Amino acid sequence: MSPAHVEAGRNIKNAVANKAILSSNWYVYIVRCNDGTLYTGIAKDLKRRMAEHNSENGGAKYTRPRRPVELVYSERTESRSDALRWEHQIKKMPLTRKNELIGKKQKTRTRTKKS
């Protein structure tokens, strides 16, 4: 194989790997802090991110003095870009709308558990 073919193969492999990273599952989440405030963020690994928020040396600057935090909403998205867009929309919502969103998600979970 010529060097050009080898390089083209590497480029294709890199493009596929990058697409997999970009299109893999991302989560948008809302946590309720100990003081009652809400924090919205995104993560690839929700379980790890929650552990970071509640750990001694991790989490967002906002949540550190407000521990412990409780996950009250999460939604899976197809890409980081989708997660960032949804996070931005949630952050712009008034508190009443955020609470409605949280309530709807919790009702869905309750119905699913009963089934």
Protein backbone atom coordinates (compact mmCIF):
# COMPACT_ATOMS: atom_id res chain seq x y z
CA MET A 1 0.00 0.00 0.00
CA SER A 2 1.23 3.47 -0.81
CA PRO A 3 1.79 6.04 1.93
CA ALA A 4 -1.17 8.02 0.56
CA HIS A 5 -3.48 5.02 0.99
CA VAL A 6 -2.23 4.43 4.53
CA GLU A 7 -2.80 8.10 5.40
CA ALA A 8 -6.29 8.02 3.86
CA GLY A 9 -7.10 4.94 5.95
CA ARG A 10 -5.96 6.70 9.11
CA ASN A 11 -8.07 9.75 8.26
CA ILE A 12 -11.16 7.56 7.79
CA LYS A 13 -10.53 5.76 11.08
CA ASN A 14 -10.07 9.09 12.88
CA ALA A 15 -13.26 10.50 11.33
CA VAL A 16 -15.23 7.44 12.41
CA ALA A 17 -13.80 7.62 15.93
CA ASN A 18 -14.56 11.35 16.18
CA LYS A 19 -18.12 10.83 14.96
CA ALA A 20 -18.61 8.09 17.55
CA ILE A 21 -17.46 10.49 20.28
CA LEU A 22 -19.72 13.27 19.06
CA SER A 23 -22.79 11.11 18.51
CA SER A 24 -22.56 8.95 21.61
CA ASN A 25 -25.08 9.45 24.38
CA TRP A 26 -24.96 12.59 26.46
CA TYR A 27 -27.21 13.49 29.36
CA VAL A 28 -28.76 16.77 30.41
CA TYR A 29 -29.47 16.78 34.12
CA ILE A 30 -30.84 18.93 36.90
CA VAL A 31 -29.81 18.52 40.52
CA ARG A 32 -31.47 20.04 43.56
CA CYS A 33 -28.87 21.43 45.93
CA ASN A 34 -29.03 21.24 49.71
CA ASP A 35 -30.20 24.88 49.84
CA GLY A 36 -33.10 24.14 47.45
CA THR A 37 -31.58 25.75 44.37
CA LEU A 38 -31.32 23.95 41.03
CA TYR A 39 -28.21 23.34 38.93
CA THR A 40 -28.34 22.20 35.30
CA GLY A 41 -25.48 20.50 33.49
CA ILE A 42 -24.48 17.90 30.91
CA ALA A 43 -22.45 14.71 31.22
CA LYS A 44 -21.53 11.56 29.32
CA ASP A 45 -21.49 9.45 32.47
CA LEU A 46 -24.29 10.60 34.75
CA LYS A 47 -23.41 8.30 37.63
CA ARG A 48 -19.79 9.52 37.67
CA ARG A 49 -20.88 13.15 37.41
CA MET A 50 -23.24 12.82 40.36
CA ALA A 51 -20.45 11.25 42.40
CA GLU A 52 -18.23 14.21 41.46
CA HIS A 53 -20.88 16.72 42.54
CA ASN A 54 -21.14 15.04 45.93
CA SER A 55 -17.45 14.30 46.43
CA GLU A 56 -15.08 16.38 48.52
CA ASN A 57 -12.88 17.50 45.59
CA GLY A 58 -15.15 17.60 42.56
CA GLY A 59 -18.29 18.95 41.02
CA ALA A 60 -19.17 22.36 39.73
CA LYS A 61 -18.07 25.45 41.56
CA TYR A 62 -21.72 26.32 42.15
CA THR A 63 -22.61 23.00 43.79
CA ARG A 64 -19.53 22.60 46.02
CA PRO A 65 -20.84 24.71 48.93
CA ARG A 66 -24.38 23.37 48.42
CA ARG A 67 -23.80 19.65 48.97
CA PRO A 68 -25.29 17.16 48.99
CA VAL A 69 -27.08 17.41 45.65
CA GLU A 70 -29.89 15.15 44.46
CA LEU A 71 -30.58 14.23 40.85
CA VAL A 72 -34.14 15.33 40.05
CA TYR A 73 -34.16 15.24 36.23
CA SER A 74 -32.14 13.65 33.45
CA GLU A 75 -32.64 13.10 29.78
CA ARG A 76 -30.46 11.29 27.27
CA THR A 77 -29.57 13.05 24.03
CA GLU A 78 -27.90 11.77 20.88
CA SER A 79 -25.00 14.24 20.83
CA ARG A 80 -23.07 16.74 22.91
CA SER A 81 -24.45 19.48 20.70
CA ASP A 82 -28.05 18.43 21.45
CA ALA A 83 -27.24 18.24 25.16
CA LEU A 84 -25.74 21.74 25.16
CA ARG A 85 -28.76 23.16 23.32
CA TRP A 86 -31.23 21.54 25.75
CA GLU A 87 -29.13 22.63 28.75
CA HIS A 88 -29.17 26.23 27.47
CA GLN A 89 -32.95 26.12 27.00
CA ILE A 90 -33.47 24.76 30.51
CA LYS A 91 -31.20 27.42 32.04
CA LYS A 92 -33.32 30.13 30.39
CA MET A 93 -36.58 28.70 31.79
CA PRO A 94 -38.29 30.33 34.75
CA LEU A 95 -38.21 28.29 37.96
CA THR A 96 -41.88 27.34 37.62
CA ARG A 97 -41.25 25.79 34.19
CA LYS A 98 -38.19 23.89 35.50
CA ASN A 99 -40.29 22.49 38.34
CA GLU A 100 -42.97 21.43 35.83
CA LEU A 101 -40.30 19.65 33.80
CA ILE A 102 -39.00 17.89 36.91
CA GLY A 103 -42.53 16.95 37.98
CA LYS A 104 -43.42 15.49 34.58
CA LYS A 105 -40.28 13.37 34.55
CA GLN A 106 -40.94 12.08 38.07
CA LYS A 107 -44.56 11.19 37.19
CA THR A 108 -43.29 9.27 34.14
CA ARG A 109 -40.83 7.35 36.31
CA THR A 110 -43.56 6.55 38.85
CA ARG A 111 -45.88 5.23 36.12
CA THR A 112 -43.06 3.17 34.64
CA LYS A 113 -42.19 1.62 38.02
CA LYS A 114 -45.81 0.57 38.62
CA SER A 115 -46.05 -1.17 35.23
